[in-house]
Amino acid sequence: MRKKEAPINALQEFLPPHTFEPVLQYLQHYKVHLTVARERKSILGDYRHRHGTQTHRISVNGNLNPYAFLVTLLHELAHLLTFEQWGNRVAAHGKEWKGVFGQLLAQFIEHDVFPQDIRQVLLQSLHNPAASSCADEALLRTLKKYDNKKSNALFVEDVPAGSLFQTHDGRIFEKGERIRKRFRCVEVATKRLYLFSPVYEVTPVERA
């Protein structure tokens, strides 16, 4: 996936108001190489720790709305701060990372940079944040409200049972029953079963 290094001043256009300066302090202090990536469906951001002569490297998807961009960037910064303190001696999303991420989120929540609904969801998960925004359905659902959403896009949970939907790669599925936290769906072309997150975004398809 092609990436581009974000000119540091241009970073403001990706962030909510009044967050550029505190973010910039972290990036400059730890000499972070920040890149803005094109949309990646499997991840929202990525962190690579410093090694040898290389600096810390963070990438964040550039298609995210400003609040999702900030939360993702803070997620990756938490990995950096955790590495600085514990190196590779702790789990990637263990209690140490959770504590650091929670402290970072609290710093920005205290300065009222998030809308009230996002703030409330973040406060609920502050002491035990999920390993990914994609894994926190309540947070993802709330952040998605601030996207410039396609008019016909829906979450899987909003597609009627037995209806068809299309994923970003053009494959068509029939929605089935919910099994615990996910929906069991059948790919029409192959008849193979797949499990979908309720908040995976898809496009409804009419039957022929």
N, C-alpha and C. Protein backbone atom coordinates (compact mmCIF):
# COMPACT_ATOMS: atom_id res chain seq x y z
N MET A 1 0.84 -1.18 0.00
CA MET A 1 0.00 0.00 0.00
C MET A 1 0.88 1.23 0.00
N ARG A 2 0.70 2.13 -0.97
CA ARG A 2 1.53 3.30 -1.04
C ARG A 2 1.22 4.25 0.10
N LYS A 3 2.28 4.87 0.60
CA LYS A 3 2.13 5.83 1.68
C LYS A 3 2.83 7.11 1.27
N LYS A 4 2.52 8.17 1.97
CA LYS A 4 3.24 9.41 1.76
C LYS A 4 3.57 10.00 3.11
N GLU A 5 4.78 10.56 3.21
CA GLU A 5 5.14 11.22 4.46
C GLU A 5 4.31 12.48 4.59
N ALA A 6 3.73 12.69 5.76
CA ALA A 6 2.88 13.84 5.98
C ALA A 6 3.73 15.05 6.32
N PRO A 7 3.73 16.13 5.47
CA PRO A 7 4.39 17.36 5.88
C PRO A 7 3.80 17.77 7.22
N ILE A 8 4.65 18.13 8.15
CA ILE A 8 4.20 18.26 9.52
C ILE A 8 3.07 19.28 9.68
N ASN A 9 3.10 20.38 8.93
CA ASN A 9 2.03 21.37 9.04
C ASN A 9 0.74 20.86 8.42
N ALA A 10 0.85 20.00 7.42
CA ALA A 10 -0.34 19.45 6.77
C ALA A 10 -1.09 18.50 7.69
N LEU A 11 -0.44 18.07 8.76
CA LEU A 11 -1.09 17.15 9.70
C LEU A 11 -2.35 17.77 10.31
N GLN A 12 -2.38 19.09 10.38
CA GLN A 12 -3.53 19.77 10.98
C GLN A 12 -4.84 19.42 10.29
N GLU A 13 -4.80 19.18 8.98
CA GLU A 13 -6.03 18.91 8.25
C GLU A 13 -6.61 17.54 8.58
N PHE A 14 -5.81 16.67 9.17
CA PHE A 14 -6.29 15.33 9.53
C PHE A 14 -6.79 15.26 10.96
N LEU A 15 -6.51 16.27 11.77
CA LEU A 15 -6.79 16.23 13.20
C LEU A 15 -7.94 17.17 13.59
N PRO A 16 -8.61 16.89 14.70
CA PRO A 16 -9.62 17.82 15.21
C PRO A 16 -8.96 19.13 15.64
N PRO A 17 -9.74 20.21 15.72
CA PRO A 17 -9.19 21.49 16.17
C PRO A 17 -8.53 21.38 17.55
N HIS A 18 -7.46 22.15 17.73
CA HIS A 18 -6.78 22.28 19.01
C HIS A 18 -6.04 21.01 19.46
N THR A 19 -5.75 20.12 18.54
CA THR A 19 -5.01 18.91 18.90
C THR A 19 -3.64 18.83 18.23
N PHE A 20 -3.39 19.70 17.26
CA PHE A 20 -2.15 19.63 16.50
C PHE A 20 -0.92 19.83 17.38
N GLU A 21 -0.94 20.87 18.23
CA GLU A 21 0.24 21.19 19.03
C GLU A 21 0.62 20.07 20.01
N PRO A 22 -0.33 19.54 20.80
CA PRO A 22 0.07 18.45 21.70
C PRO A 22 0.53 17.20 20.96
N VAL A 23 -0.08 16.90 19.80
CA VAL A 23 0.37 15.76 19.01
C VAL A 23 1.77 16.01 18.48
N LEU A 24 1.99 17.23 18.00
CA LEU A 24 3.30 17.58 17.44
C LEU A 24 4.41 17.43 18.47
N GLN A 25 4.13 17.77 19.72
CA GLN A 25 5.13 17.63 20.78
C GLN A 25 5.62 16.19 20.91
N TYR A 26 4.68 15.24 20.84
CA TYR A 26 5.07 13.82 20.92
C TYR A 26 5.90 13.42 19.70
N LEU A 27 5.44 13.82 18.52
CA LEU A 27 6.12 13.42 17.28
C LEU A 27 7.54 13.96 17.23
N GLN A 28 7.71 15.21 17.64
CA GLN A 28 9.04 15.82 17.58
C GLN A 28 9.95 15.29 18.69
N HIS A 29 9.39 15.12 19.88
CA HIS A 29 10.22 14.65 21.00
C HIS A 29 10.80 13.26 20.73
N TYR A 30 9.97 12.38 20.13
CA TYR A 30 10.42 11.01 19.88
C TYR A 30 10.90 10.80 18.44
N LYS A 31 10.99 11.91 17.68
CA LYS A 31 11.51 11.86 16.31
C LYS A 31 10.77 10.81 15.47
N VAL A 32 9.45 10.91 15.46
CA VAL A 32 8.61 9.93 14.77
C VAL A 32 8.55 10.23 13.28
N HIS A 33 8.74 9.20 12.48
CA HIS A 33 8.52 9.30 11.04
C HIS A 33 7.05 8.94 10.80
N LEU A 34 6.23 9.93 10.51
CA LEU A 34 4.79 9.72 10.34
C LEU A 34 4.42 9.68 8.87
N THR A 35 3.67 8.66 8.49
CA THR A 35 3.16 8.59 7.12
C THR A 35 1.65 8.46 7.15
N VAL A 36 1.02 8.97 6.11
CA VAL A 36 -0.42 8.86 5.95
C VAL A 36 -0.68 7.89 4.80
N ALA A 37 -1.36 6.80 5.12
CA ALA A 37 -1.56 5.73 4.14
C ALA A 37 -2.92 5.84 3.47
N ARG A 38 -3.02 5.26 2.30
CA ARG A 38 -4.32 5.10 1.68
C ARG A 38 -5.14 4.11 2.51
N GLU A 39 -6.42 4.04 2.22
CA GLU A 39 -7.31 3.19 3.01
C GLU A 39 -6.81 1.75 3.05
N ARG A 40 -6.74 1.19 4.27
CA ARG A 40 -6.42 -0.22 4.46
C ARG A 40 -7.58 -0.82 5.24
N LYS A 41 -8.18 -1.85 4.67
CA LYS A 41 -9.38 -2.44 5.30
C LYS A 41 -9.06 -3.23 6.56
N SER A 42 -7.87 -3.80 6.63
CA SER A 42 -7.56 -4.68 7.75
C SER A 42 -7.03 -3.93 8.96
N ILE A 43 -6.41 -2.77 8.75
CA ILE A 43 -5.87 -1.99 9.86
C ILE A 43 -6.14 -0.51 9.62
N LEU A 44 -6.18 0.24 10.73
CA LEU A 44 -6.36 1.69 10.64
C LEU A 44 -5.02 2.41 10.82
N GLY A 45 -4.11 1.79 11.55
CA GLY A 45 -2.80 2.38 11.77
C GLY A 45 -1.77 1.31 12.05
N ASP A 46 -0.50 1.74 12.13
CA ASP A 46 0.59 0.77 12.30
C ASP A 46 1.76 1.46 12.99
N TYR A 47 2.49 0.68 13.80
CA TYR A 47 3.67 1.22 14.48
C TYR A 47 4.85 0.28 14.30
N ARG A 48 6.02 0.85 14.02
CA ARG A 48 7.27 0.10 13.94
C ARG A 48 8.28 0.81 14.85
N HIS A 49 8.83 0.09 15.86
CA HIS A 49 9.73 0.74 16.80
C HIS A 49 11.09 1.03 16.17
N ARG A 50 11.79 1.96 16.79
CA ARG A 50 13.13 2.34 16.31
C ARG A 50 14.05 1.12 16.36
N HIS A 51 14.93 1.07 15.39
CA HIS A 51 15.84 -0.07 15.29
C HIS A 51 17.10 0.40 14.58
N GLY A 52 18.23 0.23 15.23
CA GLY A 52 19.48 0.67 14.62
C GLY A 52 19.46 2.17 14.39
N THR A 53 19.64 2.56 13.14
CA THR A 53 19.63 3.99 12.80
C THR A 53 18.23 4.49 12.42
N GLN A 54 17.27 3.57 12.35
CA GLN A 54 15.91 3.97 11.99
C GLN A 54 15.19 4.56 13.18
N THR A 55 14.30 5.52 12.91
CA THR A 55 13.50 6.13 13.96
C THR A 55 12.19 5.37 14.11
N HIS A 56 11.40 5.75 15.13
CA HIS A 56 10.06 5.20 15.27
C HIS A 56 9.25 5.56 14.03
N ARG A 57 8.43 4.61 13.58
CA ARG A 57 7.61 4.85 12.38
C ARG A 57 6.15 4.55 12.70
N ILE A 58 5.30 5.52 12.35
CA ILE A 58 3.85 5.36 12.54
C ILE A 58 3.16 5.68 11.23
N SER A 59 2.18 4.87 10.88
CA SER A 59 1.33 5.19 9.73
C SER A 59 -0.13 5.15 10.17
N VAL A 60 -0.93 6.06 9.61
CA VAL A 60 -2.35 6.14 9.91
C VAL A 60 -3.09 6.32 8.59
N ASN A 61 -4.22 5.65 8.46
CA ASN A 61 -5.02 5.77 7.24
C ASN A 61 -5.51 7.21 7.06
N GLY A 62 -5.29 7.76 5.90
CA GLY A 62 -5.67 9.15 5.64
C GLY A 62 -7.13 9.36 5.35
N ASN A 63 -7.90 8.28 5.18
CA ASN A 63 -9.32 8.44 4.87
C ASN A 63 -10.19 8.53 6.13
N LEU A 64 -9.58 8.46 7.31
CA LEU A 64 -10.34 8.50 8.55
C LEU A 64 -10.82 9.91 8.84
N ASN A 65 -11.98 10.01 9.51
CA ASN A 65 -12.42 11.34 9.94
C ASN A 65 -11.48 11.82 11.05
N PRO A 66 -11.47 13.12 11.36
CA PRO A 66 -10.47 13.65 12.30
C PRO A 66 -10.46 12.98 13.66
N TYR A 67 -11.63 12.61 14.19
CA TYR A 67 -11.66 11.98 15.52
C TYR A 67 -11.11 10.56 15.46
N ALA A 68 -11.45 9.82 14.41
CA ALA A 68 -10.92 8.47 14.24
C ALA A 68 -9.41 8.53 13.98
N PHE A 69 -8.97 9.54 13.24
CA PHE A 69 -7.53 9.70 12.97
C PHE A 69 -6.79 9.93 14.28
N LEU A 70 -7.32 10.81 15.13
CA LEU A 70 -6.66 11.10 16.40
C LEU A 70 -6.61 9.88 17.30
N VAL A 71 -7.73 9.17 17.44
CA VAL A 71 -7.76 7.98 18.30
C VAL A 71 -6.76 6.94 17.80
N THR A 72 -6.71 6.75 16.47
CA THR A 72 -5.77 5.78 15.90
C THR A 72 -4.32 6.21 16.12
N LEU A 73 -4.05 7.50 15.92
CA LEU A 73 -2.69 8.00 16.14
C LEU A 73 -2.27 7.83 17.60
N LEU A 74 -3.18 8.11 18.53
CA LEU A 74 -2.88 7.92 19.96
C LEU A 74 -2.65 6.46 20.29
N HIS A 75 -3.40 5.57 19.64
CA HIS A 75 -3.21 4.12 19.80
C HIS A 75 -1.77 3.75 19.44
N GLU A 76 -1.29 4.27 18.31
CA GLU A 76 0.06 3.94 17.86
C GLU A 76 1.11 4.63 18.72
N LEU A 77 0.84 5.85 19.15
CA LEU A 77 1.76 6.53 20.05
C LEU A 77 1.90 5.77 21.37
N ALA A 78 0.80 5.16 21.81
CA ALA A 78 0.85 4.36 23.04
C ALA A 78 1.81 3.19 22.87
N HIS A 79 1.85 2.60 21.67
CA HIS A 79 2.83 1.53 21.42
C HIS A 79 4.25 2.07 21.54
N LEU A 80 4.47 3.26 20.99
CA LEU A 80 5.79 3.88 21.05
C LEU A 80 6.21 4.12 22.51
N LEU A 81 5.32 4.74 23.29
CA LEU A 81 5.64 5.05 24.68
C LEU A 81 5.85 3.78 25.51
N THR A 82 5.08 2.76 25.19
CA THR A 82 5.25 1.48 25.88
C THR A 82 6.61 0.87 25.55
N PHE A 83 7.01 0.95 24.28
CA PHE A 83 8.32 0.43 23.87
C PHE A 83 9.44 1.20 24.55
N GLU A 84 9.30 2.52 24.63
CA GLU A 84 10.33 3.35 25.26
C GLU A 84 10.54 2.94 26.71
N GLN A 85 9.47 2.53 27.38
CA GLN A 85 9.58 2.20 28.80
C GLN A 85 9.93 0.72 29.05
N TRP A 86 9.35 -0.19 28.25
CA TRP A 86 9.52 -1.62 28.53
C TRP A 86 10.19 -2.40 27.39
N GLY A 87 10.45 -1.75 26.26
CA GLY A 87 11.03 -2.47 25.14
C GLY A 87 10.08 -3.56 24.65
N ASN A 88 10.64 -4.70 24.30
CA ASN A 88 9.84 -5.83 23.83
C ASN A 88 9.51 -6.82 24.95
N ARG A 89 9.62 -6.37 26.19
CA ARG A 89 9.44 -7.29 27.32
C ARG A 89 7.97 -7.47 27.73
N VAL A 90 7.07 -6.74 27.11
CA VAL A 90 5.65 -6.83 27.48
C VAL A 90 4.81 -7.13 26.25
N ALA A 91 3.59 -7.62 26.48
CA ALA A 91 2.68 -7.96 25.37
C ALA A 91 2.29 -6.69 24.61
N ALA A 92 2.05 -6.86 23.31
CA ALA A 92 1.74 -5.71 22.45
C ALA A 92 0.55 -4.91 22.95
N HIS A 93 -0.49 -5.60 23.40
CA HIS A 93 -1.68 -4.92 23.90
C HIS A 93 -1.98 -5.35 25.35
N GLY A 94 -0.92 -5.52 26.11
CA GLY A 94 -1.06 -5.94 27.50
C GLY A 94 -1.41 -4.79 28.42
N LYS A 95 -1.34 -5.05 29.72
CA LYS A 95 -1.76 -4.06 30.70
C LYS A 95 -0.93 -2.79 30.64
N GLU A 96 0.36 -2.93 30.28
CA GLU A 96 1.22 -1.74 30.19
C GLU A 96 0.74 -0.82 29.08
N TRP A 97 0.50 -1.41 27.89
CA TRP A 97 -0.01 -0.60 26.76
C TRP A 97 -1.38 -0.01 27.09
N LYS A 98 -2.25 -0.80 27.69
CA LYS A 98 -3.58 -0.30 28.05
C LYS A 98 -3.48 0.92 28.97
N GLY A 99 -2.57 0.85 29.94
CA GLY A 99 -2.40 1.96 30.86
C GLY A 99 -1.91 3.22 30.17
N VAL A 100 -0.92 3.06 29.27
CA VAL A 100 -0.38 4.20 28.54
C VAL A 100 -1.43 4.80 27.61
N PHE A 101 -2.14 3.95 26.89
CA PHE A 101 -3.17 4.42 25.95
C PHE A 101 -4.27 5.16 26.72
N GLY A 102 -4.67 4.60 27.85
CA GLY A 102 -5.69 5.25 28.66
C GLY A 102 -5.25 6.63 29.12
N GLN A 103 -3.97 6.77 29.49
CA GLN A 103 -3.46 8.07 29.93
C GLN A 103 -3.44 9.08 28.77
N LEU A 104 -3.07 8.61 27.59
CA LEU A 104 -3.08 9.50 26.42
C LEU A 104 -4.50 9.97 26.10
N LEU A 105 -5.45 9.03 26.09
CA LEU A 105 -6.83 9.39 25.81
C LEU A 105 -7.34 10.39 26.85
N ALA A 106 -7.02 10.15 28.11
CA ALA A 106 -7.48 11.04 29.18
C ALA A 106 -6.95 12.45 28.98
N GLN A 107 -5.72 12.57 28.50
CA GLN A 107 -5.12 13.88 28.27
C GLN A 107 -5.95 14.69 27.28
N PHE A 108 -6.42 14.03 26.22
CA PHE A 108 -7.18 14.75 25.19
C PHE A 108 -8.66 14.89 25.58
N ILE A 109 -9.20 13.91 26.30
CA ILE A 109 -10.58 14.02 26.78
C ILE A 109 -10.72 15.22 27.71
N GLU A 110 -9.73 15.44 28.55
CA GLU A 110 -9.77 16.54 29.51
C GLU A 110 -9.83 17.90 28.83
N HIS A 111 -9.34 17.98 27.61
CA HIS A 111 -9.33 19.27 26.90
C HIS A 111 -10.50 19.40 25.93
N ASP A 112 -11.51 18.52 26.08
CA ASP A 112 -12.77 18.64 25.34
C ASP A 112 -12.58 18.72 23.82
N VAL A 113 -11.75 17.86 23.28
CA VAL A 113 -11.53 17.86 21.83
C VAL A 113 -12.50 16.91 21.11
N PHE A 114 -13.20 16.06 21.88
CA PHE A 114 -14.13 15.11 21.28
C PHE A 114 -15.57 15.55 21.49
N PRO A 115 -16.46 15.27 20.53
CA PRO A 115 -17.89 15.47 20.75
C PRO A 115 -18.35 14.62 21.93
N GLN A 116 -19.48 14.98 22.52
CA GLN A 116 -19.93 14.33 23.74
C GLN A 116 -20.14 12.83 23.58
N ASP A 117 -20.68 12.39 22.44
CA ASP A 117 -20.94 10.95 22.29
C ASP A 117 -19.64 10.15 22.21
N ILE A 118 -18.63 10.66 21.50
CA ILE A 118 -17.34 9.97 21.44
C ILE A 118 -16.68 10.01 22.82
N ARG A 119 -16.76 11.15 23.47
CA ARG A 119 -16.18 11.29 24.81
C ARG A 119 -16.74 10.25 25.77
N GLN A 120 -18.05 10.04 25.73
CA GLN A 120 -18.67 9.10 26.65
C GLN A 120 -18.21 7.68 26.39
N VAL A 121 -18.11 7.29 25.12
CA VAL A 121 -17.65 5.94 24.79
C VAL A 121 -16.19 5.74 25.21
N LEU A 122 -15.36 6.76 24.98
CA LEU A 122 -13.96 6.65 25.38
C LEU A 122 -13.82 6.56 26.90
N LEU A 123 -14.63 7.31 27.63
CA LEU A 123 -14.56 7.26 29.09
C LEU A 123 -14.92 5.86 29.61
N GLN A 124 -15.86 5.20 28.92
CA GLN A 124 -16.28 3.87 29.35
C GLN A 124 -15.17 2.83 29.17
N SER A 125 -14.28 3.08 28.20
CA SER A 125 -13.23 2.09 27.91
C SER A 125 -11.85 2.55 28.36
N LEU A 126 -11.80 3.66 29.09
CA LEU A 126 -10.53 4.29 29.43
C LEU A 126 -9.58 3.36 30.17
N HIS A 127 -10.10 2.55 31.09
CA HIS A 127 -9.24 1.71 31.92
C HIS A 127 -8.98 0.33 31.31
N ASN A 128 -9.67 0.02 30.22
CA ASN A 128 -9.44 -1.26 29.55
C ASN A 128 -9.72 -1.13 28.06
N PRO A 129 -8.94 -0.29 27.36
CA PRO A 129 -9.19 -0.06 25.94
C PRO A 129 -8.97 -1.32 25.11
N ALA A 130 -9.73 -1.43 24.02
CA ALA A 130 -9.59 -2.58 23.13
C ALA A 130 -8.28 -2.50 22.36
N ALA A 131 -7.82 -3.66 21.89
CA ALA A 131 -6.56 -3.71 21.15
C ALA A 131 -6.65 -2.99 19.81
N SER A 132 -7.86 -2.73 19.34
CA SER A 132 -8.07 -2.04 18.07
C SER A 132 -9.39 -1.31 18.13
N SER A 133 -9.45 -0.15 17.47
CA SER A 133 -10.74 0.55 17.36
C SER A 133 -11.75 -0.33 16.65
N CYS A 134 -11.26 -1.16 15.72
CA CYS A 134 -12.16 -2.06 15.00
C CYS A 134 -12.76 -3.10 15.92
N ALA A 135 -12.06 -3.41 17.02
CA ALA A 135 -12.55 -4.43 17.95
C ALA A 135 -13.51 -3.85 18.98
N ASP A 136 -13.57 -2.54 19.09
CA ASP A 136 -14.46 -1.86 20.03
C ASP A 136 -15.67 -1.39 19.23
N GLU A 137 -16.71 -2.22 19.22
CA GLU A 137 -17.87 -1.93 18.36
C GLU A 137 -18.55 -0.62 18.73
N ALA A 138 -18.67 -0.34 20.01
CA ALA A 138 -19.33 0.90 20.43
C ALA A 138 -18.54 2.11 19.95
N LEU A 139 -17.23 2.05 20.08
CA LEU A 139 -16.39 3.17 19.64
C LEU A 139 -16.43 3.32 18.13
N LEU A 140 -16.28 2.21 17.41
CA LEU A 140 -16.29 2.27 15.96
C LEU A 140 -17.62 2.80 15.44
N ARG A 141 -18.72 2.33 16.03
CA ARG A 141 -20.05 2.77 15.63
C ARG A 141 -20.21 4.28 15.83
N THR A 142 -19.68 4.78 16.93
CA THR A 142 -19.79 6.20 17.24
C THR A 142 -18.88 7.03 16.34
N LEU A 143 -17.65 6.58 16.14
CA LEU A 143 -16.73 7.31 15.27
C LEU A 143 -17.25 7.39 13.84
N LYS A 144 -17.91 6.32 13.38
CA LYS A 144 -18.42 6.27 12.01
C LYS A 144 -19.47 7.34 11.73
N LYS A 145 -20.13 7.83 12.78
CA LYS A 145 -21.13 8.88 12.60
C LYS A 145 -20.53 10.14 11.98
N TYR A 146 -19.24 10.30 12.14
CA TYR A 146 -18.57 11.52 11.69
C TYR A 146 -17.87 11.34 10.34
N ASP A 147 -18.09 10.19 9.71
CA ASP A 147 -17.56 9.96 8.36
C ASP A 147 -18.41 10.68 7.32
N ASN A 148 -17.78 10.99 6.20
CA ASN A 148 -18.54 11.39 5.01
C ASN A 148 -19.00 10.10 4.35
N LYS A 149 -20.10 9.55 4.86
CA LYS A 149 -20.52 8.20 4.50
C LYS A 149 -21.23 8.15 3.16
N LYS A 150 -20.96 7.09 2.42
CA LYS A 150 -21.69 6.88 1.19
C LYS A 150 -23.17 6.70 1.52
N SER A 151 -24.02 7.26 0.69
CA SER A 151 -25.45 7.28 1.01
C SER A 151 -26.06 5.89 1.14
N ASN A 152 -25.51 4.91 0.42
CA ASN A 152 -26.11 3.57 0.44
C ASN A 152 -25.33 2.58 1.30
N ALA A 153 -24.31 3.07 2.03
CA ALA A 153 -23.51 2.18 2.87
C ALA A 153 -24.23 1.87 4.17
N LEU A 154 -24.13 0.61 4.61
CA LEU A 154 -24.76 0.17 5.86
C LEU A 154 -23.78 -0.68 6.65
N PHE A 155 -24.01 -0.78 7.95
CA PHE A 155 -23.32 -1.79 8.74
C PHE A 155 -24.01 -3.13 8.49
N VAL A 156 -23.27 -4.22 8.62
CA VAL A 156 -23.85 -5.55 8.46
C VAL A 156 -25.05 -5.72 9.39
N GLU A 157 -24.98 -5.19 10.60
CA GLU A 157 -26.08 -5.34 11.55
C GLU A 157 -27.37 -4.67 11.07
N ASP A 158 -27.27 -3.74 10.13
CA ASP A 158 -28.44 -3.03 9.62
C ASP A 158 -29.02 -3.65 8.35
N VAL A 159 -28.31 -4.64 7.80
CA VAL A 159 -28.81 -5.34 6.61
C VAL A 159 -29.84 -6.38 7.06
N PRO A 160 -31.03 -6.41 6.47
CA PRO A 160 -32.05 -7.40 6.87
C PRO A 160 -31.54 -8.83 6.68
N ALA A 161 -31.93 -9.72 7.56
CA ALA A 161 -31.54 -11.13 7.46
C ALA A 161 -32.04 -11.71 6.13
N GLY A 162 -31.20 -12.49 5.47
CA GLY A 162 -31.55 -13.08 4.20
C GLY A 162 -31.30 -12.19 3.00
N SER A 163 -30.91 -10.93 3.24
CA SER A 163 -30.63 -10.00 2.15
C SER A 163 -29.18 -10.14 1.68
N LEU A 164 -28.92 -9.56 0.51
CA LEU A 164 -27.58 -9.61 -0.06
C LEU A 164 -26.85 -8.29 0.19
N PHE A 165 -25.52 -8.40 0.34
CA PHE A 165 -24.70 -7.19 0.43
C PHE A 165 -23.37 -7.44 -0.25
N GLN A 166 -22.72 -6.33 -0.60
CA GLN A 166 -21.44 -6.40 -1.31
C GLN A 166 -20.35 -5.79 -0.45
N THR A 167 -19.19 -6.44 -0.40
CA THR A 167 -18.05 -5.91 0.34
C THR A 167 -17.22 -5.02 -0.57
N HIS A 168 -16.22 -4.36 0.00
CA HIS A 168 -15.42 -3.40 -0.76
C HIS A 168 -14.69 -4.03 -1.94
N ASP A 169 -14.42 -5.35 -1.86
CA ASP A 169 -13.70 -6.02 -2.94
C ASP A 169 -14.63 -6.62 -3.99
N GLY A 170 -15.93 -6.31 -3.91
CA GLY A 170 -16.88 -6.72 -4.94
C GLY A 170 -17.56 -8.05 -4.70
N ARG A 171 -17.21 -8.76 -3.62
CA ARG A 171 -17.84 -10.05 -3.35
C ARG A 171 -19.23 -9.85 -2.75
N ILE A 172 -20.13 -10.76 -3.07
CA ILE A 172 -21.52 -10.64 -2.63
C ILE A 172 -21.84 -11.76 -1.64
N PHE A 173 -22.52 -11.39 -0.57
CA PHE A 173 -22.85 -12.32 0.51
C PHE A 173 -24.33 -12.24 0.85
N GLU A 174 -24.84 -13.35 1.39
CA GLU A 174 -26.19 -13.36 1.94
C GLU A 174 -26.07 -13.38 3.46
N LYS A 175 -26.75 -12.43 4.11
CA LYS A 175 -26.64 -12.33 5.56
C LYS A 175 -27.42 -13.45 6.24
N GLY A 176 -26.76 -14.08 7.21
CA GLY A 176 -27.39 -15.14 7.97
C GLY A 176 -27.58 -14.77 9.43
N GLU A 177 -27.62 -15.77 10.27
CA GLU A 177 -27.92 -15.55 11.69
C GLU A 177 -26.72 -15.01 12.46
N ARG A 178 -27.02 -14.41 13.59
CA ARG A 178 -25.96 -13.92 14.47
C ARG A 178 -25.49 -15.04 15.38
N ILE A 179 -24.17 -15.21 15.46
CA ILE A 179 -23.57 -16.20 16.33
C ILE A 179 -22.67 -15.46 17.29
N ARG A 180 -23.11 -15.35 18.54
CA ARG A 180 -22.40 -14.56 19.54
C ARG A 180 -22.25 -13.13 19.06
N LYS A 181 -21.01 -12.70 18.76
CA LYS A 181 -20.79 -11.30 18.41
C LYS A 181 -20.75 -11.04 16.91
N ARG A 182 -20.86 -12.09 16.09
CA ARG A 182 -20.72 -11.90 14.65
C ARG A 182 -21.88 -12.53 13.88
N PHE A 183 -22.01 -12.11 12.62
CA PHE A 183 -23.04 -12.66 11.75
C PHE A 183 -22.43 -13.67 10.79
N ARG A 184 -23.10 -14.81 10.68
CA ARG A 184 -22.65 -15.83 9.74
C ARG A 184 -23.28 -15.53 8.39
N CYS A 185 -22.43 -15.37 7.38
CA CYS A 185 -22.91 -15.00 6.04
C CYS A 185 -22.31 -15.95 5.01
N VAL A 186 -23.04 -16.14 3.92
CA VAL A 186 -22.61 -17.06 2.87
C VAL A 186 -22.22 -16.28 1.63
N GLU A 187 -21.01 -16.53 1.14
CA GLU A 187 -20.61 -15.90 -0.12
C GLU A 187 -21.38 -16.56 -1.25
N VAL A 188 -22.07 -15.77 -2.03
CA VAL A 188 -22.97 -16.29 -3.05
C VAL A 188 -22.22 -17.12 -4.09
N ALA A 189 -21.06 -16.66 -4.54
CA ALA A 189 -20.35 -17.34 -5.63
C ALA A 189 -19.75 -18.67 -5.21
N THR A 190 -19.29 -18.78 -3.96
CA THR A 190 -18.56 -19.98 -3.53
C THR A 190 -19.30 -20.83 -2.50
N LYS A 191 -20.37 -20.27 -1.93
CA LYS A 191 -21.16 -20.94 -0.87
C LYS A 191 -20.35 -21.14 0.42
N ARG A 192 -19.22 -20.45 0.54
CA ARG A 192 -18.42 -20.56 1.74
C ARG A 192 -18.97 -19.65 2.84
N LEU A 193 -18.79 -20.08 4.09
CA LEU A 193 -19.29 -19.32 5.23
C LEU A 193 -18.21 -18.36 5.74
N TYR A 194 -18.65 -17.17 6.10
CA TYR A 194 -17.76 -16.17 6.69
C TYR A 194 -18.46 -15.52 7.87
N LEU A 195 -17.68 -15.06 8.85
CA LEU A 195 -18.22 -14.35 10.00
C LEU A 195 -17.89 -12.87 9.86
N PHE A 196 -18.91 -12.02 10.02
CA PHE A 196 -18.74 -10.58 9.86
C PHE A 196 -19.03 -9.86 11.17
N SER A 197 -18.22 -8.86 11.45
CA SER A 197 -18.49 -7.96 12.57
C SER A 197 -19.79 -7.20 12.29
N PRO A 198 -20.60 -6.93 13.31
CA PRO A 198 -21.84 -6.17 13.11
C PRO A 198 -21.59 -4.79 12.51
N VAL A 199 -20.39 -4.21 12.76
CA VAL A 199 -20.13 -2.84 12.31
C VAL A 199 -19.18 -2.81 11.10
N TYR A 200 -19.14 -3.91 10.35
CA TYR A 200 -18.41 -3.92 9.08
C TYR A 200 -19.28 -3.22 8.05
N GLU A 201 -18.70 -2.27 7.31
CA GLU A 201 -19.50 -1.47 6.39
C GLU A 201 -19.61 -2.13 5.02
N VAL A 202 -20.83 -2.24 4.51
CA VAL A 202 -21.11 -2.92 3.25
C VAL A 202 -22.13 -2.13 2.43
N THR A 203 -22.39 -2.61 1.22
CA THR A 203 -23.37 -1.99 0.34
C THR A 203 -24.48 -2.98 0.03
N PRO A 204 -25.74 -2.62 0.28
CA PRO A 204 -26.84 -3.54 -0.03
C PRO A 204 -26.91 -3.84 -1.54
N VAL A 205 -27.34 -5.05 -1.86
CA VAL A 205 -27.47 -5.48 -3.26
C VAL A 205 -28.87 -6.07 -3.45
N GLU A 206 -29.52 -5.68 -4.55
CA GLU A 206 -30.84 -6.25 -4.87
C GLU A 206 -30.67 -7.61 -5.53
N ARG A 207 -31.58 -8.52 -5.24
CA ARG A 207 -31.55 -9.83 -5.89
C ARG A 207 -31.95 -9.69 -7.34
N ALA A 208 -31.31 -10.50 -8.20
CA ALA A 208 -31.61 -10.44 -9.63
C ALA A 208 -33.01 -10.95 -9.90
